[in-house]
Protein backbone atom coordinates (compact mmCIF):
# COMPACT_ATOMS: atom_id res chain seq x y z
CA MET A 1 0.00 0.00 0.00
CA GLY A 2 1.30 3.46 -0.90
CA GLU A 3 1.40 6.61 1.12
CA PRO A 4 -1.86 8.52 1.67
CA LYS A 5 -2.81 10.84 -1.18
CA LEU A 6 -3.62 14.49 -0.55
CA LYS A 7 -6.23 16.29 -2.59
CA ALA A 8 -4.51 18.10 -5.44
CA LYS A 9 -5.62 21.58 -4.36
CA LEU A 10 -4.22 21.08 -0.85
CA TRP A 11 -0.95 19.70 -2.23
CA VAL A 12 -0.60 22.70 -4.60
CA HIS A 13 -1.19 25.20 -1.78
CA ALA A 14 1.43 23.46 0.37
CA ALA A 15 3.94 23.49 -2.52
CA LEU A 16 3.39 27.21 -3.12
CA ARG A 17 3.82 27.89 0.57
CA ARG A 18 7.12 25.98 0.68
CA CYS A 19 8.39 28.09 -2.22
CA ALA A 20 7.26 31.30 -0.52
CA VAL A 21 9.08 30.38 2.70
CA GLU A 22 12.31 29.97 0.70
CA GLY A 23 11.76 33.14 -1.35
CA ILE A 24 11.27 31.27 -4.62
CA PRO A 25 8.60 32.73 -6.94
CA ALA A 26 5.93 30.16 -7.84
CA VAL A 27 2.44 30.49 -9.32
CA VAL A 28 -0.45 28.35 -10.51
CA VAL A 29 -0.57 28.76 -14.29
CA LYS A 30 -3.52 26.40 -14.83
CA LYS A 31 -5.91 24.99 -12.26
CA GLY A 32 -6.87 21.35 -12.49
CA ASP A 33 -9.29 19.08 -10.69
CA GLU A 34 -9.27 20.09 -7.02
CA ASP A 35 -9.48 16.53 -5.75
CA ALA A 36 -7.47 14.32 -8.07
CA GLY A 37 -5.71 16.41 -10.72
CA THR A 38 -2.20 15.43 -11.74
CA ILE A 39 0.46 18.14 -11.38
CA LEU A 40 3.07 19.42 -13.84
CA VAL A 41 5.83 21.77 -12.69
CA LYS A 42 7.63 24.08 -15.08
CA VAL A 43 10.94 25.27 -13.66
CA ASN A 44 12.02 28.43 -15.45
CA ARG A 45 15.79 28.88 -15.11
CA GLY A 46 15.94 32.07 -17.16
CA ALA A 47 18.58 32.05 -19.91
CA GLN A 48 19.50 28.46 -18.99
CA GLY A 49 16.09 27.23 -20.19
CA CYS A 50 13.23 25.34 -18.57
CA GLU A 51 12.51 21.91 -17.18
CA VAL A 52 9.10 20.28 -16.91
CA PHE A 53 8.46 17.71 -14.20
CA THR A 54 5.44 15.44 -14.15
CA GLN A 55 4.00 13.88 -11.03
CA VAL A 56 4.05 10.07 -10.98
CA ARG A 57 3.76 7.24 -8.50
CA ASP A 58 6.50 4.63 -8.23
CA GLY A 59 5.87 0.88 -8.02
CA ALA A 60 5.15 1.17 -4.28
CA GLY A 61 2.65 4.02 -4.80
CA ARG A 62 4.94 6.75 -3.45
CA LEU A 63 4.95 10.21 -5.02
CA ALA A 64 7.87 10.87 -7.36
CA TRP A 65 8.68 13.12 -10.31
CA LEU A 66 9.98 12.56 -13.84
CA ARG A 67 11.74 15.11 -16.04
CA ALA A 68 9.20 15.17 -18.85
CA THR A 69 11.42 17.25 -21.15
CA GLY A 70 14.56 15.16 -20.72
CA PRO A 71 17.70 15.45 -18.60
CA ASP A 72 18.73 18.95 -19.75
CA PRO A 73 16.88 22.28 -19.71
CA VAL A 74 15.03 23.12 -22.94
CA PRO A 75 13.96 26.45 -24.47
CA GLU A 76 10.83 27.90 -22.89
CA GLU A 77 8.83 27.45 -26.11
CA ARG A 78 9.53 23.70 -26.05
CA ALA A 79 8.53 23.44 -22.38
CA ASP A 80 5.31 25.36 -23.06
CA ALA A 81 4.54 23.12 -26.07
CA HIS A 82 4.96 20.02 -23.89
CA ILE A 83 2.58 21.47 -21.31
CA ALA A 84 0.02 22.39 -23.99
CA ARG A 85 0.07 18.82 -25.36
CA ALA A 86 -0.34 17.39 -21.86
CA ARG A 87 -3.31 19.69 -21.18
CA GLU A 88 -4.98 18.60 -24.44
CA ILE A 89 -4.91 15.04 -23.12
CA ASP A 90 -5.78 15.81 -19.49
CA TRP A 91 -7.87 18.90 -18.71
CA ASP A 92 -7.73 18.07 -14.99
CA LEU A 93 -4.00 18.80 -14.99
CA TRP A 94 -2.54 21.46 -12.68
CA VAL A 95 0.40 23.50 -13.99
CA LEU A 96 2.73 25.29 -11.58
CA GLU A 97 5.58 27.53 -12.66
CA VAL A 98 8.61 28.05 -10.45
CA GLU A 99 11.20 30.70 -11.34
CA ASP A 100 14.67 30.01 -10.02
CA ARG A 101 17.90 30.32 -12.00
CA ALA A 102 19.51 27.62 -9.81
CA GLY A 103 16.59 25.26 -10.43
CA ARG A 104 15.62 25.03 -6.75
CA VAL A 105 12.19 23.52 -6.16
CA PRO A 106 11.69 22.61 -2.49
CA PHE A 107 8.81 20.21 -3.09
CA LEU A 108 10.47 17.96 -5.70
CA GLU A 109 11.98 15.56 -3.19
CA ARG A 110 12.13 12.41 -5.32
CA VAL A 111 13.10 12.83 -8.96
CA LEU A 112 13.36 9.52 -10.81
CA GLU A 113 16.19 9.25 -13.32
């Protein structure tokens, strides 16, 4: 059995709060289903490009993240195109954007390689 699942809206509010505490700008770009929406995170690293992380569950049901745009930052247009395609498939999807040149995102604890 996996860890308990929080409602998406509560999880998003907690993630935004964690960013605020560390002085990292973060906003909700698109709202999804308040109870069970999946979450995408766009990390904008300025001139270095962007990364998009998608929320997944591992084999044991624990929350983890995958780099949806690959191992290296991509141009912002490519990140936005990936997000647009994902939203066409899943309208319940939440999209958060975090702006940090160092790529710090305090709520991405487990990133699967």
